[in-house]
Protein backbone atom coordinates (compact mmCIF):
# COMPACT_ATOMS: atom_id res chain seq x y z
CA MET A 1 41.13 117.35 76.86
CA ALA A 2 41.08 117.93 80.77
CA GLU A 3 40.14 121.68 80.08
CA TRP A 4 37.53 120.60 77.42
CA LEU A 5 35.86 118.17 80.26
CA SER A 6 36.06 120.56 83.06
CA ASN A 7 34.62 123.40 80.79
CA GLY A 8 31.45 121.13 80.19
CA ARG A 9 32.80 119.72 76.92
CA ARG A 10 32.96 123.10 75.29
CA LEU A 11 36.43 124.74 74.19
CA ALA A 12 37.47 127.07 76.72
CA THR A 13 37.44 130.50 74.07
CA PRO A 14 36.12 133.70 74.37
CA ALA A 15 33.71 132.76 71.30
CA ALA A 16 32.48 129.91 73.32
CA GLU A 17 32.02 131.73 76.31
CA ALA A 18 30.03 134.47 74.59
CA ASP A 19 27.50 132.03 73.50
CA LEU A 20 27.16 129.68 76.39
CA SER A 21 23.48 129.73 77.30
CA VAL A 22 22.04 129.35 81.03
CA ASN A 23 20.82 125.96 80.19
CA GLU A 24 24.39 124.65 78.98
CA LEU A 25 25.74 126.29 82.00
CA PHE A 26 23.25 124.95 84.30
CA LEU A 27 23.66 121.44 82.69
CA ALA A 28 27.32 121.69 83.40
CA TYR A 29 26.98 122.39 87.09
CA LEU A 30 24.69 119.63 87.52
CA ARG A 31 27.22 117.33 86.15
CA HIS A 32 29.91 118.78 88.85
CA ALA A 33 27.16 118.54 91.71
CA ASP A 34 26.03 115.01 90.93
CA GLY A 35 29.67 114.05 91.92
CA TYR A 36 30.40 116.38 94.49
CA TYR A 37 27.61 116.19 96.81
CA VAL A 38 28.21 112.74 97.98
CA LYS A 39 28.42 111.34 101.47
CA ASN A 40 29.47 107.84 102.44
CA GLY A 41 29.20 106.82 98.73
CA LYS A 42 25.61 107.93 98.46
CA PRO A 43 24.19 111.05 96.86
CA THR A 44 22.90 113.69 99.36
CA VAL A 45 19.59 115.66 98.55
CA GLU A 46 21.49 118.78 97.23
CA PRO A 47 21.75 117.88 93.66
CA GLY A 48 17.78 117.46 93.92
CA ASN A 49 17.44 120.91 95.50
CA ILE A 50 19.60 122.60 92.85
CA ARG A 51 17.26 121.23 90.20
CA LEU A 52 14.28 122.60 92.18
CA ALA A 53 15.97 125.98 92.36
CA GLY A 54 16.81 125.98 88.74
CA ARG A 55 13.34 125.39 87.14
CA PRO A 56 12.05 128.74 86.84
CA LEU A 57 15.84 129.84 85.84
CA ARG A 58 15.86 127.30 82.93
CA GLN A 59 12.03 128.33 81.97
CA LEU A 60 12.43 132.11 81.98
CA TYR A 61 16.27 132.43 80.71
CA GLY A 62 17.32 129.01 79.69
CA GLN A 63 18.24 130.33 75.94
CA THR A 64 19.62 133.41 77.50
CA PRO A 65 23.44 133.87 77.04
CA ALA A 66 24.89 133.14 80.56
CA ARG A 67 27.24 136.31 80.59
CA GLU A 68 23.95 138.30 79.90
CA PHE A 69 22.30 136.99 83.27
CA GLY A 70 22.12 139.95 85.49
CA PRO A 71 20.50 141.04 88.81
CA VAL A 72 17.22 142.27 87.25
CA ALA A 73 16.92 138.54 85.60
CA LEU A 74 17.63 137.20 89.07
CA LYS A 75 14.78 139.49 90.49
CA ALA A 76 12.47 138.02 87.80
CA VAL A 77 13.37 134.40 88.77
CA ARG A 78 12.64 135.30 92.82
CA GLY A 79 9.31 136.98 91.33
CA ALA A 80 8.36 133.70 89.76
CA MET A 81 9.03 131.92 92.89
CA ALA A 82 6.86 134.27 94.87
CA GLU A 83 4.09 133.75 92.48
CA ALA A 84 4.31 130.09 93.28
CA ASP A 85 3.63 130.55 96.94
CA ILE A 86 6.91 129.60 98.18
CA CYS A 87 7.72 130.86 101.47
CA ARG A 88 10.50 133.66 101.81
CA SER A 89 13.26 131.71 103.35
CA GLU A 90 13.01 128.76 100.96
CA ILE A 91 12.92 131.61 98.03
CA ASN A 92 16.34 133.00 99.68
CA ARG A 93 17.91 129.32 99.81
CA ARG A 94 16.85 128.71 96.33
CA ILE A 95 18.35 132.01 94.86
CA GLY A 96 21.40 131.34 96.79
CA ARG A 97 21.78 128.16 95.07
CA ILE A 98 21.55 130.05 91.74
CA VAL A 99 24.02 132.67 92.57
CA ARG A 100 26.38 129.43 93.63
CA VAL A 101 25.89 128.04 89.84
CA PHE A 102 27.50 131.36 88.64
CA LYS A 103 30.02 131.51 91.19
CA TRP A 104 31.36 127.93 90.31
CA ALA A 105 31.06 129.09 86.45
CA VAL A 106 33.46 131.79 87.18
CA SER A 107 35.93 129.80 88.84
CA GLU A 108 35.63 127.29 85.54
CA GLU A 109 36.12 130.59 83.35
CA MET A 110 32.97 129.76 81.65
CA VAL A 111 31.45 133.33 82.60
CA PRO A 112 33.39 136.53 83.33
CA PRO A 113 33.76 137.50 87.18
CA SER A 114 31.75 140.41 86.67
CA VAL A 115 28.42 138.30 86.22
CA HIS A 116 28.98 136.88 89.82
CA GLN A 117 29.82 140.03 91.29
CA ALA A 118 26.52 141.57 89.75
CA LEU A 119 24.41 138.63 91.31
CA GLN A 120 25.63 139.09 94.71
CA THR A 121 24.38 142.88 94.71
CA VAL A 122 20.66 141.37 94.93
CA PRO A 123 19.89 141.23 98.71
CA GLY A 124 17.72 138.36 100.01
CA LEU A 125 14.21 139.03 100.86
CA ARG A 126 13.89 140.60 104.47
CA ARG A 127 11.16 139.47 106.82
CA GLY A 128 8.31 142.16 106.91
CA ARG A 129 9.52 143.74 103.85
CA ALA A 130 8.28 141.33 101.12
CA ASP A 131 4.92 140.62 100.19
CA VAL A 132 5.97 136.78 100.30
CA ARG A 133 4.54 134.04 102.63
CA GLU A 134 6.53 133.42 105.68
CA SER A 135 7.16 129.76 106.59
CA GLU A 136 5.26 128.31 109.89
CA PRO A 137 7.93 127.73 112.65
CA VAL A 138 8.76 124.29 113.77
CA ARG A 139 6.82 123.77 117.08
CA PRO A 140 7.04 121.33 119.90
CA VAL A 141 4.59 118.26 119.96
CA PRO A 142 2.40 117.58 122.84
CA ASP A 143 2.96 114.17 124.70
CA ALA A 144 -0.69 113.74 123.90
CA PHE A 145 -0.23 113.74 120.49
CA VAL A 146 3.03 111.61 120.32
CA ASP A 147 1.12 108.81 122.73
CA ALA A 148 -1.76 108.56 120.11
CA ILE A 149 -0.08 106.77 117.38
CA GLU A 150 1.56 104.38 119.68
CA PRO A 151 -0.89 101.31 118.78
CA TYR A 152 -0.65 102.09 115.00
CA VAL A 153 3.08 101.98 114.27
CA SER A 154 5.45 99.14 114.54
CA ARG A 155 7.56 98.76 117.61
CA GLN A 156 10.78 100.04 115.60
CA VAL A 157 9.34 103.12 115.19
CA TRP A 158 7.88 103.87 118.23
CA ALA A 159 11.27 103.02 119.87
CA LEU A 160 12.72 105.67 117.40
CA VAL A 161 10.05 108.19 118.74
CA GLU A 162 10.68 107.77 122.41
CA LEU A 163 14.33 107.92 121.77
CA GLN A 164 13.94 111.53 120.08
CA ARG A 165 11.53 112.34 122.50
CA LEU A 166 14.14 111.36 125.47
CA THR A 167 17.60 112.71 123.71
CA GLY A 168 16.45 115.42 121.34
CA MET A 169 18.77 113.78 118.61
CA ARG A 170 17.94 114.44 114.88
CA PRO A 171 15.64 111.94 113.04
CA GLY A 172 18.74 111.06 110.65
CA GLU A 173 20.77 110.37 114.11
CA ALA A 174 18.25 107.98 115.63
CA CYS A 175 17.65 106.07 112.39
CA VAL A 176 21.22 104.85 111.64
CA MET A 177 22.11 103.73 115.29
CA ARG A 178 24.06 100.68 115.28
CA THR A 179 25.68 98.85 117.99
CA ALA A 180 29.11 99.59 117.14
CA ASP A 181 28.49 103.39 117.76
CA ILE A 182 27.15 102.87 121.34
CA ASP A 183 29.64 103.20 124.05
CA THR A 184 28.09 101.21 126.73
CA SER A 185 31.08 101.26 129.29
CA GLY A 186 29.90 104.15 131.38
CA LYS A 187 26.97 104.98 133.53
CA VAL A 188 25.62 106.96 130.80
CA TRP A 189 25.94 105.54 127.55
CA VAL A 190 27.67 107.75 124.52
CA TYR A 191 26.28 107.24 120.83
CA THR A 192 28.61 108.71 118.32
CA PRO A 193 26.69 108.26 114.90
CA GLU A 194 28.33 106.79 112.02
CA ARG A 195 27.11 109.98 109.93
CA HIS A 196 25.42 113.17 110.97
CA LYS A 197 24.41 116.62 109.56
CA THR A 198 27.58 118.60 110.45
CA GLU A 199 30.21 116.03 109.81
CA HIS A 200 31.63 117.76 106.58
CA HIS A 201 32.55 120.58 109.03
CA GLY A 202 34.90 118.42 110.91
CA ARG A 203 32.59 118.29 113.99
CA GLU A 204 32.20 115.46 116.21
CA ARG A 205 28.66 114.36 117.34
CA ARG A 206 28.02 112.93 120.52
CA ILE A 207 24.45 111.72 121.92
CA TYR A 208 24.30 110.99 125.60
CA LEU A 209 22.03 108.25 126.70
CA GLY A 210 20.60 108.11 130.23
CA PRO A 211 18.68 105.36 132.12
CA ALA A 212 15.19 105.87 130.22
CA ALA A 213 16.97 105.75 126.89
CA GLN A 214 19.26 102.60 128.00
CA ALA A 215 15.90 100.74 128.65
CA ILE A 216 14.80 101.52 125.40
CA LEU A 217 17.78 100.52 123.66
CA ARG A 218 18.66 97.18 125.44
CA PRO A 219 16.36 95.06 123.55
CA TRP A 220 17.46 96.28 120.16
CA LEU A 221 21.36 96.02 120.64
CA ARG A 222 22.84 93.14 118.28
CA THR A 223 25.73 90.95 118.22
CA GLU A 224 26.21 91.78 114.62
CA LEU A 225 27.72 95.12 115.52
CA THR A 226 27.54 97.10 112.64
CA ALA A 227 23.82 96.12 111.74
CA TYR A 228 21.20 98.95 112.15
CA LEU A 229 19.05 98.45 115.27
CA PHE A 230 15.67 99.57 113.71
CA SER A 231 14.99 97.90 110.38
CA PRO A 232 11.78 98.46 108.27
CA ALA A 233 12.45 95.01 106.82
CA GLU A 234 12.02 93.44 110.11
CA ALA A 235 9.09 95.70 110.98
CA THR A 236 7.22 94.43 107.65
CA ALA A 237 8.10 90.75 108.51
CA GLU A 238 6.64 91.41 112.15
CA ARG A 239 3.43 92.90 110.61
CA GLN A 240 2.83 90.23 108.15
CA ALA A 241 3.56 87.54 110.82
CA ALA A 242 0.97 89.28 113.02
CA MET A 243 -1.61 89.21 110.12
CA ARG A 244 -1.24 85.67 109.75
CA GLU A 245 -1.74 85.09 113.52
CA ARG A 246 -4.87 87.14 113.39
CA ARG A 247 -6.33 85.01 110.49
CA ARG A 248 -9.31 83.21 111.13
CA THR A 249 -9.59 81.09 107.96
CA ARG A 250 -7.33 78.75 106.65
CA VAL A 251 -5.10 79.91 104.04
CA GLN A 252 -5.50 78.19 100.65
CA PRO A 253 -2.54 76.32 98.98
CA SER A 254 -2.70 78.84 96.20
CA GLN A 255 -2.42 82.02 98.32
CA ARG A 256 0.48 80.66 100.75
CA ASN A 257 3.09 82.17 98.71
CA ARG A 258 1.45 85.15 96.73
CA GLY A 259 4.32 87.64 97.54
CA LYS A 260 6.18 89.21 94.23
CA ALA A 261 9.18 87.17 93.10
CA ARG A 262 10.73 90.68 92.01
CA PRO A 263 8.86 93.55 93.94
CA GLU A 264 9.24 97.09 92.40
CA LYS A 265 10.17 98.27 96.19
CA GLU A 266 11.22 96.15 99.09
CA PRO A 267 11.75 97.38 102.56
CA GLY A 268 15.09 98.34 103.50
CA GLU A 269 17.53 97.71 106.11
CA VAL A 270 17.42 100.97 107.61
CA TYR A 271 15.05 103.65 108.01
CA THR A 272 15.61 106.78 106.02
CA THR A 273 14.32 110.49 107.52
CA GLU A 274 11.74 110.21 104.74
CA SER A 275 10.43 106.76 105.46
CA TYR A 276 10.40 107.52 109.24
CA ARG A 277 8.36 110.52 108.52
CA ARG A 278 5.74 108.50 106.34
CA ALA A 279 5.63 106.00 109.06
CA ILE A 280 4.57 108.59 111.77
CA ALA A 281 2.15 110.17 109.17
CA TYR A 282 0.31 106.91 108.56
CA GLY A 283 -0.05 106.17 112.24
CA VAL A 284 -1.60 109.61 112.60
CA LYS A 285 -3.95 108.86 109.71
CA ARG A 286 -4.78 105.39 111.45
CA ALA A 287 -5.12 107.14 114.89
CA ASN A 288 -7.69 109.55 113.36
CA ALA A 289 -9.71 107.01 111.57
CA ASP A 290 -10.33 105.21 114.79
CA ARG A 291 -11.10 108.24 116.84
CA ALA A 292 -13.58 109.58 114.31
CA LYS A 293 -15.34 106.16 114.99
CA ARG A 294 -15.37 106.86 118.54
CA GLY A 295 -16.41 110.61 118.14
CA GLU A 296 -13.27 112.02 119.34
CA SER A 297 -11.20 115.18 118.04
CA GLU A 298 -8.30 114.40 115.43
CA VAL A 299 -4.82 114.47 116.45
CA PRO A 300 -3.11 116.95 114.28
CA SER A 301 -0.13 115.94 111.82
CA TRP A 302 3.20 116.35 113.20
CA HIS A 303 6.57 115.09 112.09
CA PRO A 304 9.93 113.52 113.85
CA HIS A 305 11.77 117.12 113.88
CA GLN A 306 9.11 118.38 116.37
CA LEU A 307 10.21 115.70 118.75
CA ARG A 308 13.81 117.24 118.74
CA HIS A 309 12.01 120.84 119.50
CA SER A 310 10.07 119.34 122.36
CA ALA A 311 13.18 117.83 123.99
CA ALA A 312 15.22 121.16 123.50
CA THR A 313 12.37 122.94 125.10
CA ARG A 314 12.09 120.77 128.02
CA LEU A 315 15.85 120.56 128.39
CA ARG A 316 16.22 124.35 128.30
CA LYS A 317 13.45 124.65 130.83
CA GLU A 318 14.69 122.41 133.21
CA PHE A 319 18.57 122.43 132.77
CA GLY A 320 19.00 125.87 131.02
CA LEU A 321 20.41 127.12 127.70
CA ASP A 322 23.69 125.72 127.97
CA VAL A 323 22.87 122.38 128.66
CA ALA A 324 20.13 122.27 126.09
CA ARG A 325 22.75 123.25 123.40
CA ALA A 326 25.37 120.66 124.63
CA VAL A 327 22.93 117.91 124.49
CA LEU A 328 21.31 118.64 121.19
CA GLY A 329 24.71 119.33 119.46
CA HIS A 330 24.29 123.26 118.61
CA SER A 331 27.56 124.91 118.61
CA PHE A 332 28.77 128.62 117.77
CA PRO A 333 31.55 128.92 115.79
CA VAL A 334 33.76 131.09 118.14
CA VAL A 335 33.19 129.00 121.23
CA THR A 336 32.98 125.42 119.89
CA GLU A 337 36.48 124.39 121.19
CA LEU A 338 36.38 126.34 124.14
CA TYR A 339 33.18 124.65 125.30
CA ALA A 340 33.43 121.37 123.91
CA LYS A 341 34.74 119.46 127.16
CA LEU A 342 32.43 121.68 129.27
CA ASP A 343 29.22 120.85 127.19
CA GLY A 344 30.30 117.16 127.21
CA THR A 345 30.47 117.20 131.01
CA LYS A 346 26.94 119.01 131.23
CA ALA A 347 25.15 116.79 128.57
CA ALA A 348 26.21 113.73 130.42
CA GLU A 349 25.06 114.99 133.76
CA ALA A 350 21.93 116.10 132.57
CA MET A 351 20.94 112.80 130.68
CA GLY A 352 22.38 110.74 133.64
CA ARG A 353 19.83 112.26 136.03
CA ILE A 354 16.84 111.71 133.53
CA GLY A 355 15.23 108.55 134.29
CA ARG A 356 11.90 108.76 132.95
CA TRP A 357 9.88 111.71 131.76
CA ASN A 358 7.02 112.26 134.25
CA ARG A 359 4.13 114.45 132.69
CA ASP A 360 3.25 115.75 136.11
CA SER A 361 5.74 118.50 136.26
CA ASP A 362 5.41 119.25 139.95
CA GLU A 363 6.53 115.35 140.80
CA ARG A 364 9.36 115.45 138.11
CA GLN A 365 10.80 119.01 139.75
CA ALA A 366 10.74 117.25 143.02
CA ARG A 367 12.56 114.11 141.96
CA ILE A 368 15.26 116.42 140.17
CA ALA A 369 15.63 118.41 143.57
CA CYS A 370 16.07 115.31 145.42
CA SER A 371 18.62 113.98 143.26
CA ARG A 372 20.58 117.29 143.68
């Protein structure tokens, strides 16, 4: 029975292996992925990415026996992705997921090993050697574009933006900040995220918070240590209260409690990277609406991850590559352990010397030189 379940509810026999279709194999893998890609009790985005990668596979070869799916078929799937105007790097990622499906199938004895070995011979698309679109690189966002949205976002979202701009932390790391995760005992505070991007590799992430970041965080620290600092529910309540304050006419009795008893979607207790991104996009949209009325140029759209790139550019310019790598949490496999302690010291020193980013480069350089 255990073998039957692990084989996608099919008998593990040569006959069953011979007539297993690509659709059946892919469905079995999805059942595995839904249970495997879970972090902190919640599903990750990977199962959705796998489903997205599998669409052209199922459309073109869903009824094909899985053992007959080979390199030529994989190239045809890749060609369908290119025709859909997907960028080269994303095509390579999706093809990699498809190959991983067949690797798993080999481990479950659902297809012969030769199938996966043959698929591995298909190289990824190389830059300049394939007639496909290249992705746009993520670039830093100018401070003027960031400051333009301040009047149009909640104070919770603006605090997240300022923290990212100062520390270079990832959007997901900023969203899940809790008082319990911040060590405030030293001159430089240390934030250890409850969860982060590379935790499944066994790596620890430490984010150092200097005076400017501490000033932003102090009003948000909570007595309930495990509560998230930045809550969409609180932002919604504050926005509704402000709307009531601005109201000039008396509220009619029939309109006092017009909120839905069971709304389809309620604001959560913590921002997700997606809701945070949408809040910024909405702020840019509102800012541009007002700027259009004044005859001013529009603010280009930007997203939270660009703030990390802005911080990286600034840190590298002022403190060097090693410090930028340490602050941002980047690591190289060979030297991770060797430089762990050194990186932590450099990161804490750098963030401790950062008070407030001054947009005047000469004045900022003079202040740093004096502090030395």
